[in-house]
């Protein structure tokens, strides 16, 4: 009888600890799942910072010319040595309307301007800047760190890899793209 009692106690104790061990394992497993799910829900670092305004304050702050009375030779003085200029004439079928696109290129960078023959103003069509092609008015340069760029753009230091601006009534889109906290590229899509 004593042996049967010891055996029953042993079985009950084993079952109790076995259940507890299973519960502990189950709780640990459940904790791991909960932690994994919570990690997935953690917000990631914002990949872009967006700014918008009906006034294009960057055009005047960045570019060393007034976008008035386009002349290729006068424009070239704002570009670095080695910059080449191409032009093409664009016409719209059935319309008495044409304009020229002047593209200033240096290696992997370019800036295209739209020039209308009957207008004193010219416009940015598109640009990709990854080198020193243009001597910006405010000293902006590829390779600058985020602190320097945020001071030039008059914004708080961004915690993102791309700063986006949508500016002006007709919208000019500016992207300042960083890699390893250094300005790698500036892209602009035009306002006209």
Protein backbone atom coordinates (compact mmCIF):
# COMPACT_ATOMS: atom_id res chain seq x y z
CA UNK A 1 0.00 0.00 0.00
CA UNK A 2 2.84 2.33 0.91
CA UNK A 3 4.47 1.56 -2.46
CA UNK A 4 1.21 2.29 -4.27
CA UNK A 5 0.87 5.62 -2.44
CA UNK A 6 4.45 6.56 -3.30
CA UNK A 7 3.86 5.56 -6.93
CA UNK A 8 0.63 7.61 -7.10
CA UNK A 9 2.36 10.61 -5.51
CA UNK A 10 5.22 10.23 -7.95
CA UNK A 11 2.81 10.08 -10.91
CA UNK A 12 0.84 13.07 -9.67
CA UNK A 13 4.03 15.04 -9.02
CA UNK A 14 5.39 14.11 -12.45
CA UNK A 15 2.13 15.06 -14.11
CA UNK A 16 2.04 18.35 -12.18
CA UNK A 17 5.60 19.28 -13.13
CA UNK A 18 5.08 18.02 -16.65
CA UNK A 19 2.06 20.28 -17.01
CA UNK A 20 3.95 23.18 -15.51
CA UNK A 21 6.87 22.57 -17.84
CA UNK A 22 4.51 22.46 -20.78
CA UNK A 23 2.86 25.67 -19.57
CA UNK A 24 6.27 27.32 -19.17
CA UNK A 25 7.29 26.18 -22.65
CA UNK A 26 3.94 27.27 -23.99
CA UNK A 27 4.29 30.68 -22.32
CA UNK A 28 7.84 31.09 -23.68
CA UNK A 29 6.65 30.14 -27.14
CA UNK A 30 3.72 32.53 -26.84
CA UNK A 31 6.05 35.30 -25.65
CA UNK A 32 8.31 34.73 -28.65
CA UNK A 33 5.35 34.98 -31.02
CA UNK A 34 4.09 38.11 -29.28
CA UNK A 35 7.57 39.69 -29.42
CA UNK A 36 7.93 38.82 -33.11
CA UNK A 37 4.52 40.29 -33.93
CA UNK A 38 5.27 43.44 -31.95
CA UNK A 39 8.60 43.85 -33.75
CA UNK A 40 6.77 43.70 -37.06
CA UNK A 41 4.38 46.42 -35.86
CA UNK A 42 7.16 48.78 -34.75
CA UNK A 43 7.20 51.84 -36.96
CA UNK A 44 10.11 51.90 -39.36
CA UNK A 45 12.18 55.02 -39.93
CA UNK A 46 10.32 57.27 -42.31
CA UNK A 47 11.92 57.00 -45.74
CA UNK A 48 10.96 60.45 -46.97
CA UNK A 49 10.09 63.85 -45.59
CA UNK A 50 7.52 65.84 -47.54
CA UNK A 51 7.05 69.61 -47.75
CA UNK A 52 4.51 71.48 -49.81
CA UNK A 53 3.75 75.13 -50.51
CA UNK A 54 2.05 77.23 -53.17
CA UNK A 55 5.21 79.36 -53.38
CA UNK A 56 8.37 77.99 -54.96
CA UNK A 57 10.95 79.36 -52.54
CA UNK A 58 13.66 76.92 -53.60
CA UNK A 59 13.99 78.06 -57.22
CA UNK A 60 15.21 81.49 -56.18
CA UNK A 61 17.29 80.12 -53.28
CA UNK A 62 19.09 77.45 -55.34
CA UNK A 63 19.59 78.82 -58.83
CA UNK A 64 22.04 81.66 -59.53
CA UNK A 65 20.00 83.05 -62.44
CA UNK A 66 16.54 84.61 -62.74
CA UNK A 67 14.91 82.31 -65.37
CA UNK A 68 14.51 85.34 -67.59
CA UNK A 69 15.92 86.01 -71.11
CA UNK A 70 17.64 82.71 -71.83
CA UNK A 71 21.03 82.92 -73.57
CA UNK A 72 23.18 79.81 -73.76
CA UNK A 73 26.53 81.59 -73.37
CA UNK A 74 25.36 83.60 -70.35
CA UNK A 75 23.96 80.44 -68.75
CA UNK A 76 27.19 78.48 -69.22
CA UNK A 77 29.04 80.72 -66.75
CA UNK A 78 26.94 79.18 -63.93
CA UNK A 79 27.93 75.64 -64.90
CA UNK A 80 31.18 73.83 -64.19
CA UNK A 81 33.92 73.24 -66.75
CA UNK A 82 33.15 70.30 -69.01
CA UNK A 83 29.41 70.97 -69.22
CA UNK A 84 28.02 70.53 -72.73
CA UNK A 85 24.77 71.94 -74.16
CA UNK A 86 22.36 70.25 -76.56
CA UNK A 87 19.12 71.68 -77.87
CA UNK A 88 16.09 70.28 -79.60
CA UNK A 89 13.04 71.94 -81.12
CA UNK A 90 9.62 70.65 -80.13
CA UNK A 91 6.48 71.36 -82.12
CA UNK A 92 2.90 70.35 -81.48
CA UNK A 93 1.01 69.02 -84.52
CA UNK A 94 -1.83 71.25 -85.70
CA UNK A 95 -0.77 74.11 -83.47
CA UNK A 96 1.30 77.14 -84.16
CA UNK A 97 3.30 76.49 -80.99
CA UNK A 98 6.88 75.43 -80.55
CA UNK A 99 9.61 75.64 -77.98
CA UNK A 100 13.19 74.51 -77.47
CA UNK A 101 14.65 72.26 -74.83
CA UNK A 102 18.21 73.14 -73.84
CA UNK A 103 19.99 70.40 -71.91
CA UNK A 104 23.17 71.11 -69.98
CA UNK A 105 25.03 67.81 -69.41
CA UNK A 106 28.10 66.71 -67.51
CA UNK A 107 28.78 63.00 -67.00
CA UNK A 108 25.75 61.51 -65.18
CA UNK A 109 24.07 64.87 -64.47
CA UNK A 110 21.85 67.10 -66.59
CA UNK A 111 19.51 70.07 -66.36
CA UNK A 112 16.93 70.70 -69.11
CA UNK A 113 15.24 74.05 -69.64
CA UNK A 114 12.13 74.77 -71.70
CA UNK A 115 12.48 78.00 -73.70
CA UNK A 116 9.46 79.47 -75.48
CA UNK A 117 10.24 81.83 -78.38
CA UNK A 118 7.60 84.44 -77.52
CA UNK A 119 8.24 84.53 -73.77
CA UNK A 120 10.96 86.26 -71.83
CA UNK A 121 10.81 83.49 -69.19
CA UNK A 122 12.24 79.98 -69.35
CA UNK A 123 11.49 76.99 -67.15
CA UNK A 124 13.08 73.90 -65.66
CA UNK A 125 11.83 70.83 -67.42
CA UNK A 126 13.82 68.16 -65.58
CA UNK A 127 17.14 67.70 -63.87
CA UNK A 128 19.26 65.06 -62.18
CA UNK A 129 22.32 66.33 -60.34
CA UNK A 130 24.90 63.90 -59.00
CA UNK A 131 28.07 65.97 -59.40
CA UNK A 132 29.27 69.58 -59.52
CA UNK A 133 27.51 70.48 -62.81
CA UNK A 134 25.92 73.65 -61.38
CA UNK A 135 27.29 76.23 -58.97
CA UNK A 136 24.23 76.63 -56.76
CA UNK A 137 23.52 80.10 -55.42
CA UNK A 138 23.36 79.03 -51.78
CA UNK A 139 26.42 76.76 -51.77
CA UNK A 140 24.55 73.45 -51.94
CA UNK A 141 26.82 70.63 -53.14
CA UNK A 142 26.59 66.91 -53.64
CA UNK A 143 28.30 65.16 -50.72
CA UNK A 144 27.13 67.59 -48.02
CA UNK A 145 25.79 66.09 -44.79
CA UNK A 146 22.20 66.35 -43.57
CA UNK A 147 22.97 69.17 -41.10
CA UNK A 148 24.42 71.35 -43.85
CA UNK A 149 21.54 70.61 -46.22
CA UNK A 150 18.89 71.25 -43.56
CA UNK A 151 20.49 74.65 -42.86
CA UNK A 152 20.50 75.52 -46.57
CA UNK A 153 16.89 74.37 -47.03
CA UNK A 154 15.84 76.05 -43.78
CA UNK A 155 14.26 72.89 -42.31
CA UNK A 156 14.92 70.77 -39.22
CA UNK A 157 17.51 68.03 -39.64
CA UNK A 158 15.60 65.23 -41.36
CA UNK A 159 15.48 61.65 -40.12
CA UNK A 160 14.90 60.32 -43.62
CA UNK A 161 16.72 59.33 -46.80
CA UNK A 162 14.76 61.57 -49.17
CA UNK A 163 13.48 65.09 -48.65
CA UNK A 164 10.66 65.93 -51.07
CA UNK A 165 9.29 69.37 -51.92
CA UNK A 166 6.15 70.06 -53.99
CA UNK A 167 6.31 73.81 -54.56
CA UNK A 168 4.55 76.46 -56.61
CA UNK A 169 1.14 76.87 -58.17
CA UNK A 170 2.11 74.70 -61.14
CA UNK A 171 4.17 72.35 -58.93
CA UNK A 172 7.87 71.86 -59.21
CA UNK A 173 9.02 68.66 -57.53
CA UNK A 174 12.40 68.68 -55.77
CA UNK A 175 13.93 65.52 -54.28
CA UNK A 176 17.09 65.61 -52.16
CA UNK A 177 18.31 62.02 -51.89
CA UNK A 178 20.80 60.92 -49.24
CA UNK A 179 23.01 57.87 -48.90
CA UNK A 180 24.95 57.30 -45.68
CA UNK A 181 23.73 60.71 -44.44
CA UNK A 182 25.40 62.52 -47.41
CA UNK A 183 23.58 64.21 -50.29
CA UNK A 184 23.91 61.83 -53.24
CA UNK A 185 21.44 63.25 -55.76
CA UNK A 186 19.08 66.15 -56.46
CA UNK A 187 16.21 65.63 -58.90
CA UNK A 188 13.79 68.29 -60.10
CA UNK A 189 10.71 67.86 -62.28
CA UNK A 190 9.64 71.11 -63.87
CA UNK A 191 7.04 73.72 -63.33
CA UNK A 192 5.76 74.27 -66.85
